[in-house]
């Protein structure tokens, strides 16, 4: 159970189906791969005392924040990091495909 809770928090998994898929295909943390029903996982999480979940959650968050603060930035990123708290990177590969297809659509209609 602890491996599932750790995986949910550490990997930031949003859906139980993703947890179940990971558990079935590759296993989680130190737990070997196994098939578990959605109902069984839900019942197990429901029976977990809230204070234990909160304790594990807080410890993982502390570990992640300590790990994040210990990372060194590349020299090129340090000036940006002084002015901004986060950097978002977007992948425009889908936009290129959309742009090409829209040109094809416009080109196919007579003016």
PDB file of N, CA and C in Angstrom:
ATOM      1  N   UNK A   1       0.824  -1.191   0.000  1.00  0.00           N
ATOM      2  CA  UNK A   1       0.000   0.000   0.000  1.00  0.00           C
ATOM      3  C   UNK A   1       0.868   1.255   0.000  1.00  0.00           C
ATOM      4  N   UNK A   2       1.949   1.209   0.752  1.00  0.00           N
ATOM      5  CA  UNK A   2       2.841   2.371   0.802  1.00  0.00           C
ATOM      6  C   UNK A   2       3.441   2.655  -0.571  1.00  0.00           C
ATOM      7  N   UNK A   3       3.751   1.620  -1.331  1.00  0.00           N
ATOM      8  CA  UNK A   3       4.317   1.815  -2.671  1.00  0.00           C
ATOM      9  C   UNK A   3       3.316   2.518  -3.583  1.00  0.00           C
ATOM     10  N   UNK A   4       2.047   2.191  -3.437  1.00  0.00           N
ATOM     11  CA  UNK A   4       1.019   2.836  -4.255  1.00  0.00           C
ATOM     12  C   UNK A   4       0.876   4.300  -3.866  1.00  0.00           C
ATOM     13  N   UNK A   5       0.814   4.583  -2.575  1.00  0.00           N
ATOM     14  CA  UNK A   5       0.680   5.970  -2.110  1.00  0.00           C
ATOM     15  C   UNK A   5       1.908   6.782  -2.536  1.00  0.00           C
ATOM     16  N   UNK A   6       3.096   6.217  -2.349  1.00  0.00           N
ATOM     17  CA  UNK A   6       4.315   6.921  -2.769  1.00  0.00           C
ATOM     18  C   UNK A   6       4.307   7.201  -4.265  1.00  0.00           C
ATOM     19  N   UNK A   7       3.886   6.231  -5.047  1.00  0.00           N
ATOM     20  CA  UNK A   7       3.853   6.415  -6.495  1.00  0.00           C
ATOM     21  C   UNK A   7       2.853   7.483  -6.899  1.00  0.00           C
ATOM     22  N   UNK A   8       1.702   7.501  -6.247  1.00  0.00           N
ATOM     23  CA  UNK A   8       0.688   8.513  -6.558  1.00  0.00           C
ATOM     24  C   UNK A   8       1.242   9.909  -6.301  1.00  0.00           C
ATOM     25  N   UNK A   9       1.914  10.082  -5.181  1.00  0.00           N
ATOM     26  CA  UNK A   9       2.423  11.411  -4.820  1.00  0.00           C
ATOM     27  C   UNK A   9       3.695  11.743  -5.591  1.00  0.00           C
ATOM     28  N   UNK A  10       4.645  10.824  -5.621  1.00  0.00           N
ATOM     29  CA  UNK A  10       5.953  11.098  -6.225  1.00  0.00           C
ATOM     30  C   UNK A  10       5.857  11.265  -7.734  1.00  0.00           C
ATOM     31  N   UNK A  11       5.098  10.380  -8.369  1.00  0.00           N
ATOM     32  CA  UNK A  11       4.945  10.464  -9.823  1.00  0.00           C
ATOM     33  C   UNK A  11       3.831  11.419 -10.234  1.00  0.00           C
ATOM     34  N   UNK A  12       3.093  11.927  -9.283  1.00  0.00           N
ATOM     35  CA  UNK A  12       1.967  12.831  -9.516  1.00  0.00           C
ATOM     36  C   UNK A  12       0.943  12.202 -10.461  1.00  0.00           C
ATOM     37  N   UNK A  13       0.569  10.961 -10.144  1.00  0.00           N
ATOM     38  CA  UNK A  13      -0.406  10.230 -10.932  1.00  0.00           C
ATOM     39  C   UNK A  13      -1.794  10.766 -10.601  1.00  0.00           C
ATOM     40  N   UNK A  14      -2.580  11.053 -11.618  1.00  0.00           N
ATOM     41  CA  UNK A  14      -3.866  11.695 -11.393  1.00  0.00           C
ATOM     42  C   UNK A  14      -5.045  10.737 -11.362  1.00  0.00           C
ATOM     43  N   UNK A  15      -4.900   9.555 -11.967  1.00  0.00           N
ATOM     44  CA  UNK A  15      -6.027   8.642 -12.065  1.00  0.00           C
ATOM     45  C   UNK A  15      -5.641   7.262 -11.541  1.00  0.00           C
ATOM     46  N   UNK A  16      -6.591   6.620 -10.868  1.00  0.00           N
ATOM     47  CA  UNK A  16      -6.338   5.276 -10.357  1.00  0.00           C
ATOM     48  C   UNK A  16      -6.100   4.279 -11.487  1.00  0.00           C
ATOM     49  N   UNK A  17      -6.705   4.501 -12.641  1.00  0.00           N
ATOM     50  CA  UNK A  17      -6.473   3.587 -13.762  1.00  0.00           C
ATOM     51  C   UNK A  17      -5.015   3.632 -14.209  1.00  0.00           C
ATOM     52  N   UNK A  18      -4.381   4.804 -14.111  1.00  0.00           N
ATOM     53  CA  UNK A  18      -2.956   4.901 -14.438  1.00  0.00           C
ATOM     54  C   UNK A  18      -2.110   4.151 -13.417  1.00  0.00           C
ATOM     55  N   UNK A  19      -2.499   4.218 -12.160  1.00  0.00           N
ATOM     56  CA  UNK A  19      -1.793   3.469 -11.114  1.00  0.00           C
ATOM     57  C   UNK A  19      -1.932   1.971 -11.370  1.00  0.00           C
ATOM     58  N   UNK A  20      -3.138   1.552 -11.683  1.00  0.00           N
ATOM     59  CA  UNK A  20      -3.384   0.132 -11.949  1.00  0.00           C
ATOM     60  C   UNK A  20      -2.603  -0.354 -13.162  1.00  0.00           C
ATOM     61  N   UNK A  21      -2.549   0.454 -14.212  1.00  0.00           N
ATOM     62  CA  UNK A  21      -1.802   0.089 -15.416  1.00  0.00           C
ATOM     63  C   UNK A  21      -0.312  -0.038 -15.106  1.00  0.00           C
ATOM     64  N   UNK A  22       0.231   0.925 -14.375  1.00  0.00           N
ATOM     65  CA  UNK A  22       1.647   0.861 -14.005  1.00  0.00           C
ATOM     66  C   UNK A  22       1.939  -0.349 -13.124  1.00  0.00           C
ATOM     67  N   UNK A  23       1.051  -0.614 -12.204  1.00  0.00           N
ATOM     68  CA  UNK A  23       1.222  -1.754 -11.304  1.00  0.00           C
ATOM     69  C   UNK A  23       1.182  -3.067 -12.079  1.00  0.00           C
ATOM     70  N   UNK A  24       0.315  -3.152 -13.069  1.00  0.00           N
ATOM     71  CA  UNK A  24       0.185  -4.383 -13.840  1.00  0.00           C
ATOM     72  C   UNK A  24       1.352  -4.584 -14.810  1.00  0.00           C
ATOM     73  N   UNK A  25       1.831  -3.516 -15.412  1.00  0.00           N
ATOM     74  CA  UNK A  25       2.865  -3.632 -16.446  1.00  0.00           C
ATOM     75  C   UNK A  25       4.276  -3.684 -15.864  1.00  0.00           C
ATOM     76  N   UNK A  26       4.604  -2.732 -15.002  1.00  0.00           N
ATOM     77  CA  UNK A  26       5.987  -2.614 -14.550  1.00  0.00           C
ATOM     78  C   UNK A  26       6.175  -2.772 -13.046  1.00  0.00           C
ATOM     79  N   UNK A  27       5.097  -2.711 -12.303  1.00  0.00           N
ATOM     80  CA  UNK A  27       5.221  -2.727 -10.848  1.00  0.00           C
ATOM     81  C   UNK A  27       5.463  -1.315 -10.345  1.00  0.00           C
ATOM     82  N   UNK A  28       5.342  -1.123  -9.062  1.00  0.00           N
ATOM     83  CA  UNK A  28       5.547   0.191  -8.456  1.00  0.00           C
ATOM     84  C   UNK A  28       6.587   0.080  -7.362  1.00  0.00           C
ATOM     85  N   UNK A  29       7.593   0.930  -7.451  1.00  0.00           N
ATOM     86  CA  UNK A  29       8.660   0.983  -6.456  1.00  0.00           C
ATOM     87  C   UNK A  29       9.246  -0.422  -6.243  1.00  0.00           C
ATOM     88  N   UNK A  30       9.060  -0.971  -5.080  1.00  0.00           N
ATOM     89  CA  UNK A  30       9.626  -2.276  -4.746  1.00  0.00           C
ATOM     90  C   UNK A  30       8.635  -3.419  -4.934  1.00  0.00           C
ATOM     91  N   UNK A  31       7.438  -3.113  -5.427  1.00  0.00           N
ATOM     92  CA  UNK A  31       6.398  -4.124  -5.611  1.00  0.00           C
ATOM     93  C   UNK A  31       6.475  -4.668  -7.036  1.00  0.00           C
ATOM     94  N   UNK A  32       6.497  -5.989  -7.150  1.00  0.00           N
ATOM     95  CA  UNK A  32       6.516  -6.641  -8.461  1.00  0.00           C
ATOM     96  C   UNK A  32       5.209  -6.366  -9.198  1.00  0.00           C
ATOM     97  N   UNK A  33       5.246  -6.509 -10.507  1.00  0.00           N
ATOM     98  CA  UNK A  33       4.055  -6.315 -11.317  1.00  0.00           C
ATOM     99  C   UNK A  33       2.982  -7.326 -10.930  1.00  0.00           C
ATOM    100  N   UNK A  34       1.750  -6.839 -10.785  1.00  0.00           N
ATOM    101  CA  UNK A  34       0.621  -7.708 -10.443  1.00  0.00           C
ATOM    102  C   UNK A  34      -0.663  -7.063 -10.921  1.00  0.00           C
ATOM    103  N   UNK A  35      -1.668  -7.883 -11.121  1.00  0.00           N
ATOM    104  CA  UNK A  35      -2.974  -7.377 -11.552  1.00  0.00           C
ATOM    105  C   UNK A  35      -3.861  -7.212 -10.328  1.00  0.00           C
ATOM    106  N   UNK A  36      -4.427  -6.015 -10.182  1.00  0.00           N
ATOM    107  CA  UNK A  36      -5.319  -5.687  -9.074  1.00  0.00           C
ATOM    108  C   UNK A  36      -6.551  -5.022  -9.675  1.00  0.00           C
ATOM    109  N   UNK A  37      -7.724  -5.365  -9.172  1.00  0.00           N
ATOM    110  CA  UNK A  37      -8.947  -4.749  -9.690  1.00  0.00           C
ATOM    111  C   UNK A  37      -9.090  -3.321  -9.163  1.00  0.00           C
ATOM    112  N   UNK A  38      -9.836  -2.537  -9.903  1.00  0.00           N
ATOM    113  CA  UNK A  38     -10.069  -1.147  -9.514  1.00  0.00           C
ATOM    114  C   UNK A  38     -10.821  -1.082  -8.183  1.00  0.00           C
ATOM    115  N   UNK A  39     -11.772  -1.988  -7.993  1.00  0.00           N
ATOM    116  CA  UNK A  39     -12.552  -2.011  -6.759  1.00  0.00           C
ATOM    117  C   UNK A  39     -11.669  -2.350  -5.562  1.00  0.00           C
ATOM    118  N   UNK A  40     -10.746  -3.292  -5.752  1.00  0.00           N
ATOM    119  CA  UNK A  40      -9.863  -3.679  -4.650  1.00  0.00           C
ATOM    120  C   UNK A  40      -8.962  -2.511  -4.251  1.00  0.00           C
ATOM    121  N   UNK A  41      -8.423  -1.814  -5.246  1.00  0.00           N
ATOM    122  CA  UNK A  41      -7.565  -0.668  -4.946  1.00  0.00           C
ATOM    123  C   UNK A  41      -8.359   0.431  -4.258  1.00  0.00           C
ATOM    124  N   UNK A  42      -9.570   0.687  -4.731  1.00  0.00           N
ATOM    125  CA  UNK A  42     -10.406   1.717  -4.132  1.00  0.00           C
ATOM    126  C   UNK A  42     -10.737   1.377  -2.675  1.00  0.00           C
ATOM    127  N   UNK A  43     -11.099   0.125  -2.429  1.00  0.00           N
ATOM    128  CA  UNK A  43     -11.421  -0.295  -1.059  1.00  0.00           C
ATOM    129  C   UNK A  43     -10.192  -0.191  -0.158  1.00  0.00           C
ATOM    130  N   UNK A  44      -9.053  -0.550  -0.707  1.00  0.00           N
ATOM    131  CA  UNK A  44      -7.816  -0.492   0.084  1.00  0.00           C
ATOM    132  C   UNK A  44      -7.460   0.949   0.438  1.00  0.00           C
ATOM    133  N   UNK A  45      -7.583   1.850  -0.543  1.00  0.00           N
ATOM    134  CA  UNK A  45      -7.307   3.264  -0.276  1.00  0.00           C
ATOM    135  C   UNK A  45      -8.324   3.850   0.699  1.00  0.00           C
ATOM    136  N   UNK A  46      -9.574   3.409   0.599  1.00  0.00           N
ATOM    137  CA  UNK A  46     -10.610   3.878   1.522  1.00  0.00           C
ATOM    138  C   UNK A  46     -10.348   3.421   2.949  1.00  0.00           C
ATOM    139  N   UNK A  47      -9.745   2.242   3.112  1.00  0.00           N
ATOM    140  CA  UNK A  47      -9.497   1.720   4.456  1.00  0.00           C
ATOM    141  C   UNK A  47      -8.210   2.278   5.077  1.00  0.00           C
ATOM    142  N   UNK A  48      -7.405   2.962   4.266  1.00  0.00           N
ATOM    143  CA  UNK A  48      -6.159   3.547   4.770  1.00  0.00           C
ATOM    144  C   UNK A  48      -6.488   4.731   5.675  1.00  0.00           C
ATOM    145  N   UNK A  49      -6.001   4.732   6.899  1.00  0.00           N
ATOM    146  CA  UNK A  49      -6.268   5.871   7.790  1.00  0.00           C
ATOM    147  C   UNK A  49      -5.703   7.175   7.205  1.00  0.00           C
ATOM    148  N   UNK A  50      -6.493   8.222   7.312  1.00  0.00           N
ATOM    149  CA  UNK A  50      -6.120   9.509   6.720  1.00  0.00           C
ATOM    150  C   UNK A  50      -4.808  10.050   7.285  1.00  0.00           C
ATOM    151  N   UNK A  51      -4.564   9.841   8.579  1.00  0.00           N
ATOM    152  CA  UNK A  51      -3.331  10.379   9.171  1.00  0.00           C
ATOM    153  C   UNK A  51      -2.097   9.667   8.619  1.00  0.00           C
ATOM    154  N   UNK A  52      -2.217   8.385   8.263  1.00  0.00           N
ATOM    155  CA  UNK A  52      -1.071   7.687   7.652  1.00  0.00           C
ATOM    156  C   UNK A  52      -0.806   8.195   6.239  1.00  0.00           C
ATOM    157  N   UNK A  53      -1.885   8.393   5.471  1.00  0.00           N
ATOM    158  CA  UNK A  53      -1.727   8.942   4.124  1.00  0.00           C
ATOM    159  C   UNK A  53      -1.096  10.330   4.202  1.00  0.00           C
ATOM    160  N   UNK A  54      -1.563  11.162   5.131  1.00  0.00           N
ATOM    161  CA  UNK A  54      -1.023  12.507   5.290  1.00  0.00           C
ATOM    162  C   UNK A  54       0.454  12.479   5.679  1.00  0.00           C
ATOM    163  N   UNK A  55       0.820  11.543   6.540  1.00  0.00           N
ATOM    164  CA  UNK A  55       2.216  11.423   6.961  1.00  0.00           C
ATOM    165  C   UNK A  55       3.120  11.061   5.781  1.00  0.00           C
ATOM    166  N   UNK A  56       2.704  10.074   5.003  1.00  0.00           N
ATOM    167  CA  UNK A  56       3.478   9.679   3.819  1.00  0.00           C
ATOM    168  C   UNK A  56       3.527  10.827   2.826  1.00  0.00           C
ATOM    169  N   UNK A  57       2.395  11.471   2.602  1.00  0.00           N
ATOM    170  CA  UNK A  57       2.327  12.595   1.666  1.00  0.00           C
ATOM    171  C   UNK A  57       3.292  13.708   2.066  1.00  0.00           C
ATOM    172  N   UNK A  58       3.286  14.100   3.337  1.00  0.00           N
ATOM    173  CA  UNK A  58       4.173  15.168   3.809  1.00  0.00           C
ATOM    174  C   UNK A  58       5.637  14.794   3.653  1.00  0.00           C
ATOM    175  N   UNK A  59       5.997  13.550   3.954  1.00  0.00           N
ATOM    176  CA  UNK A  59       7.384  13.123   3.825  1.00  0.00           C
ATOM    177  C   UNK A  59       7.850  13.140   2.370  1.00  0.00           C
ATOM    178  N   UNK A  60       6.995  12.721   1.463  1.00  0.00           N
ATOM    179  CA  UNK A  60       7.360  12.744   0.049  1.00  0.00           C
ATOM    180  C   UNK A  60       7.500  14.177  -0.446  1.00  0.00           C
ATOM    181  N   UNK A  61       6.588  15.051  -0.038  1.00  0.00           N
ATOM    182  CA  UNK A  61       6.666  16.461  -0.447  1.00  0.00           C
ATOM    183  C   UNK A  61       7.942  17.105   0.083  1.00  0.00           C
ATOM    184  N   UNK A  62       8.299  16.828   1.323  1.00  0.00           N
ATOM    185  CA  UNK A  62       9.545  17.368   1.880  1.00  0.00           C
ATOM    186  C   UNK A  62      10.753  16.870   1.095  1.00  0.00           C
ATOM    187  N   UNK A  63      10.736  15.588   0.756  1.00  0.00           N
ATOM    188  CA  UNK A  63      11.847  15.011  -0.012  1.00  0.00           C
ATOM    189  C   UNK A  63      11.944  15.658  -1.390  1.00  0.00           C
ATOM    190  N   UNK A  64      10.794  15.860  -2.046  1.00  0.00           N
ATOM    191  CA  UNK A  64      10.801  16.479  -3.369  1.00  0.00           C
ATOM    192  C   UNK A  64      11.277  17.923  -3.324  1.00  0.00           C
ATOM    193  N   UNK A  65      10.850  18.676  -2.308  1.00  0.00           N
ATOM    194  CA  UNK A  65      11.275  20.073  -2.226  1.00  0.00           C
ATOM    195  C   UNK A  65      12.760  20.176  -1.906  1.00  0.00           C
ATOM    196  N   UNK A  66      13.271  19.271  -1.069  1.00  0.00           N
ATOM    197  CA  UNK A  66      14.710  19.272  -0.780  1.00  0.00           C
ATOM    198  C   UNK A  66      15.507  18.904  -2.017  1.00  0.00           C
ATOM    199  N   UNK A  67      14.996  17.960  -2.769  1.00  0.00           N
ATOM    200  CA  UNK A  67      15.663  17.528  -4.002  1.00  0.00           C
ATOM    201  C   UNK A  67      15.654  18.651  -5.032  1.00  0.00           C
ATOM    202  N   UNK A  68      14.534  19.377  -5.124  1.00  0.00           N
ATOM    203  CA  UNK A  68      14.408  20.464  -6.088  1.00  0.00           C
ATOM    204  C   UNK A  68      15.354  21.610  -5.744  1.00  0.00           C
ATOM    205  N   UNK A  69      15.491  21.939  -4.466  1.00  0.00           N
ATOM    206  CA  UNK A  69      16.353  23.053  -4.077  1.00  0.00           C
ATOM    207  C   UNK A  69      17.826  22.696  -4.217  1.00  0.00           C
ATOM    208  N   UNK A  70      18.145  21.402  -4.185  1.00  0.00           N
ATOM    209  CA  UNK A  70      19.532  20.974  -4.293  1.00  0.00           C
ATOM    210  C   UNK A  70      20.032  20.943  -5.735  1.00  0.00           C
ATOM    211  N   UNK A  71      19.128  21.015  -6.699  1.00  0.00           N
ATOM    212  CA  UNK A  71      19.529  20.971  -8.109  1.00  0.00           C
ATOM    213  C   UNK A  71      20.303  22.237  -8.461  1.00  0.00           C
ATOM    214  N   UNK A  72      21.352  22.051  -9.245  1.00  0.00           N
ATOM    215  CA  UNK A  72      22.108  23.196  -9.728  1.00  0.00           C
ATOM    216  C   UNK A  72      21.583  23.578 -11.102  1.00  0.00           C
ATOM    217  N   UNK A  73      21.505  24.866 -11.345  1.00  0.00           N
ATOM    218  CA  UNK A  73      21.033  25.349 -12.632  1.00  0.00           C
ATOM    219  C   UNK A  73      22.183  25.507 -13.598  1.00  0.00           C
ATOM    220  N   UNK A  74      21.891  25.346 -14.869  1.00  0.00           N
ATOM    221  CA  UNK A  74      22.883  25.606 -15.904  1.00  0.00           C
ATOM    222  C   UNK A  74      23.172  27.107 -15.915  1.00  0.00           C
ATOM    223  N   UNK A  75      24.385  27.495 -16.262  1.00  0.00           N
ATOM    224  CA  UNK A  75      24.720  28.931 -16.259  1.00  0.00           C
ATOM    225  C   UNK A  75      23.774  29.777 -17.114  1.00  0.00           C
ATOM    226  N   UNK A  76      23.303  29.246 -18.224  1.00  0.00           N
ATOM    227  CA  UNK A  76      22.406  30.013 -19.092  1.00  0.00           C
ATOM    228  C   UNK A  76      21.039  30.232 -18.430  1.00  0.00           C
ATOM    229  N   UNK A  77      20.635  29.328 -17.552  1.00  0.00           N
ATOM    230  CA  UNK A  77      19.319  29.425 -16.916  1.00  0.00           C
ATOM    231  C   UNK A  77      19.333  30.231 -15.627  1.00  0.00           C
ATOM    232  N   UNK A  78      20.487  30.507 -15.070  1.00  0.00           N
ATOM    233  CA  UNK A  78      20.533  31.168 -13.774  1.00  0.00           C
ATOM    234  C   UNK A  78      19.982  32.592 -13.821  1.00  0.00           C
ATOM    235  N   UNK A  79      20.226  33.328 -14.899  1.00  0.00           N
ATOM    236  CA  UNK A  79      19.693  34.688 -14.982  1.00  0.00           C
ATOM    237  C   UNK A  79      18.176  34.670 -15.107  1.00  0.00           C
ATOM    238  N   UNK A  80      17.636  33.682 -15.795  1.00  0.00           N
ATOM    239  CA  UNK A  80      16.184  33.554 -15.925  1.00  0.00           C
ATOM    240  C   UNK A  80      15.574  33.157 -14.584  1.00  0.00           C
ATOM    241  N   UNK A  81      16.234  32.262 -13.868  1.00  0.00           N
ATOM    242  CA  UNK A  81      15.719  31.761 -12.586  1.00  0.00           C
ATOM    243  C   UNK A  81      15.662  32.868 -11.532  1.00  0.00           C
ATOM    244  N   UNK A  82      16.491  33.881 -11.671  1.00  0.00           N
ATOM    245  CA  UNK A  82      16.468  34.984 -10.715  1.00  0.00           C
ATOM    246  C   UNK A  82      15.218  35.848 -10.884  1.00  0.00           C
ATOM    247  N   UNK A  83      14.678  35.889 -12.100  1.00  0.00           N
ATOM    248  CA  UNK A  83      13.516  36.737 -12.370  1.00  0.00           C
ATOM    249  C   UNK A  83      12.190  35.988 -12.380  1.00  0.00           C
ATOM    250  N   UNK A  84      12.229  34.675 -12.627  1.00  0.00           N
ATOM    251  CA  UNK A  84      10.996  33.902 -12.759  1.00  0.00           C
ATOM    252  C   UNK A  84      11.035  32.684 -11.846  1.00  0.00           C
ATOM    253  N   UNK A  85       9.861  32.268 -11.366  1.00  0.00           N
ATOM    254  CA  UNK A  85       9.787  31.094 -10.487  1.00  0.00           C
ATOM    255  C   UNK A  85       9.644  29.802 -11.263  1.00  0.00           C
ATOM    256  N   UNK A  86       9.207  29.881 -12.524  1.00  0.00           N
ATOM    257  CA  UNK A  86       9.030  28.675 -13.332  1.00  0.00           C
ATOM    258  C   UNK A  86       9.305  28.996 -14.796  1.00  0.00           C
ATOM    259  N   UNK A  87       9.718  27.981 -15.521  1.00  0.00           N
ATOM    260  CA  UNK A  87       9.944  28.108 -16.955  1.00  0.00           C
ATOM    261  C   UNK A  87       9.088  27.039 -17.628  1.00  0.00           C
ATOM    262  N   UNK A  88       8.248  27.438 -18.560  1.00  0.00           N
ATOM    263  CA  UNK A  88       7.396  26.505 -19.283  1.00  0.00           C
ATOM    264  C   UNK A  88       7.940  26.364 -20.692  1.00  0.00           C
ATOM    265  N   UNK A  89       8.028  25.149 -21.155  1.00  0.00           N
ATOM    266  CA  UNK A  89       8.522  24.870 -22.496  1.00  0.00           C
ATOM    267  C   UNK A  89       7.399  24.216 -23.278  1.00  0.00           C
ATOM    268  N   UNK A  90       7.111  24.747 -24.436  1.00  0.00           N
ATOM    269  CA  UNK A  90       6.038  24.203 -25.268  1.00  0.00           C
ATOM    270  C   UNK A  90       6.604  23.526 -26.498  1.00  0.00           C
ATOM    271  N   UNK A  91       5.945  22.474 -26.913  1.00  0.00           N
ATOM    272  CA  UNK A  91       6.331  21.746 -28.106  1.00  0.00           C
ATOM    273  C   UNK A  91       5.403  22.188 -29.228  1.00  0.00           C
ATOM    274  N   UNK A  92       5.960  22.797 -30.253  1.00  0.00           N
ATOM    275  CA  UNK A  92       5.147  23.334 -31.340  1.00  0.00           C
ATOM    276  C   UNK A  92       5.044  22.373 -32.517  1.00  0.00           C
ATOM    277  N   UNK A  93       5.425  21.126 -32.347  1.00  0.00           N
ATOM    278  CA  UNK A  93       5.387  20.190 -33.467  1.00  0.00           C
ATOM    279  C   UNK A  93       3.962  19.993 -33.977  1.00  0.00           C
ATOM    280  N   UNK A  94       2.983  19.977 -33.084  1.00  0.00           N
ATOM    281  CA  UNK A  94       1.595  19.856 -33.523  1.00  0.00           C
ATOM    282  C   UNK A  94       1.144  21.106 -34.257  1.00  0.00           C
ATOM    283  N   UNK A  95       1.653  22.250 -33.858  1.00  0.00           N
ATOM    284  CA  UNK A  95       1.280  23.497 -34.520  1.00  0.00           C
ATOM    285  C   UNK A  95       1.774  23.500 -35.962  1.00  0.00           C
ATOM    286  N   UNK A  96       2.963  22.949 -36.215  1.00  0.00           N
ATOM    287  CA  UNK A  96       3.474  22.887 -37.580  1.00  0.00           C
ATOM    288  C   UNK A  96       2.562  22.045 -38.454  1.00  0.00           C
ATOM    289  N   UNK A  97       2.097  20.919 -37.934  1.00  0.00           N
ATOM    290  CA  UNK A  97       1.180  20.068 -38.679  1.00  0.00           C
ATOM    291  C   UNK A  97      -0.137  20.764 -38.946  1.00  0.00           C
ATOM    292  N   UNK A  98      -0.626  21.511 -37.960  1.00  0.00           N
ATOM    293  CA  UNK A  98      -1.881  22.243 -38.122  1.00  0.00           C
ATOM    294  C   UNK A  98      -1.720  23.338 -39.164  1.00  0.00           C
ATOM    295  N   UNK A  99      -0.588  24.017 -39.115  1.00  0.00           N
ATOM    296  CA  UNK A  99      -0.338  25.097 -40.067  1.00  0.00           C
ATOM    297  C   UNK A  99      -0.283  24.543 -41.491  1.00  0.00           C
ATOM    298  N   UNK A 100       0.401  23.408 -41.677  1.00  0.00           N
ATOM    299  CA  UNK A 100       0.506  22.802 -43.006  1.00  0.00           C
ATOM    300  C   UNK A 100      -0.856  22.361 -43.512  1.00  0.00           C
ATOM    301  N   UNK A 101      -1.663  21.747 -42.641  1.00  0.00           N
ATOM    302  CA  UNK A 101      -2.976  21.264 -43.082  1.00  0.00           C
ATOM    303  C   UNK A 101      -3.917  22.427 -43.377  1.00  0.00           C
ATOM    304  N   UNK A 102      -3.798  23.531 -42.627  1.00  0.00           N
ATOM    305  CA  UNK A 102      -4.678  24.676 -42.901  1.00  0.00           C
ATOM    306  C   UNK A 102      -4.301  25.339 -44.221  1.00  0.00           C
ATOM    307  N   UNK A 103      -3.011  25.360 -44.567  1.00  0.00           N
ATOM    308  CA  UNK A 103      -2.589  25.899 -45.860  1.00  0.00           C
ATOM    309  C   UNK A 103      -3.126  25.026 -46.980  1.00  0.00           C
ATOM    310  N   UNK A 104      -3.104  23.716 -46.762  1.00  0.00           N
ATOM    311  CA  UNK A 104      -3.619  22.810 -47.787  1.00  0.00           C
ATOM    312  C   UNK A 104      -5.109  23.023 -47.998  1.00  0.00           C
ATOM    313  N   UNK A 105      -5.849  23.262 -46.916  1.00  0.00           N
ATOM    314  CA  UNK A 105      -7.288  23.505 -47.021  1.00  0.00           C
ATOM    315  C   UNK A 105      -7.571  24.801 -47.748  1.00  0.00           C
ATOM    316  N   UNK A 106      -6.811  25.834 -47.419  1.00  0.00           N
ATOM    317  CA  UNK A 106      -7.012  27.144 -48.061  1.00  0.00           C
ATOM    318  C   UNK A 106      -6.643  27.056 -49.517  1.00  0.00           C
ATOM    319  N   UNK A 107      -5.587  26.319 -49.852  1.00  0.00           N
ATOM    320  CA  UNK A 107      -5.134  26.204 -51.223  1.00  0.00           C
ATOM    321  C   UNK A 107      -6.124  25.416 -52.068  1.00  0.00           C
ATOM    322  N   UNK A 108      -6.910  24.546 -51.451  1.00  0.00           N
ATOM    323  CA  UNK A 108      -7.813  23.701 -52.231  1.00  0.00           C
ATOM    324  C   UNK A 108      -9.108  24.422 -52.632  1.00  0.00           C
ATOM    325  N   UNK A 109      -9.391  25.571 -52.023  1.00  0.00           N
ATOM    326  CA  UNK A 109     -10.594  26.313 -52.370  1.00  0.00           C
ATOM    327  C   UNK A 109     -10.253  27.430 -53.341  1.00  0.00           C
ATOM    328  N   UNK A 110     -11.009  27.558 -54.435  1.00  0.00           N
ATOM    329  CA  UNK A 110     -10.723  28.657 -55.366  1.00  0.00           C
ATOM    330  C   UNK A 110     -11.135  30.002 -54.777  1.00  0.00           C
ATOM    331  N   UNK A 111     -10.396  31.014 -55.126  1.00  0.00           N
ATOM    332  CA  UNK A 111     -10.650  32.353 -54.576  1.00  0.00           C
ATOM    333  C   UNK A 111     -11.728  33.079 -55.339  1.00  0.00           C
TER     334      UNK A 111
END
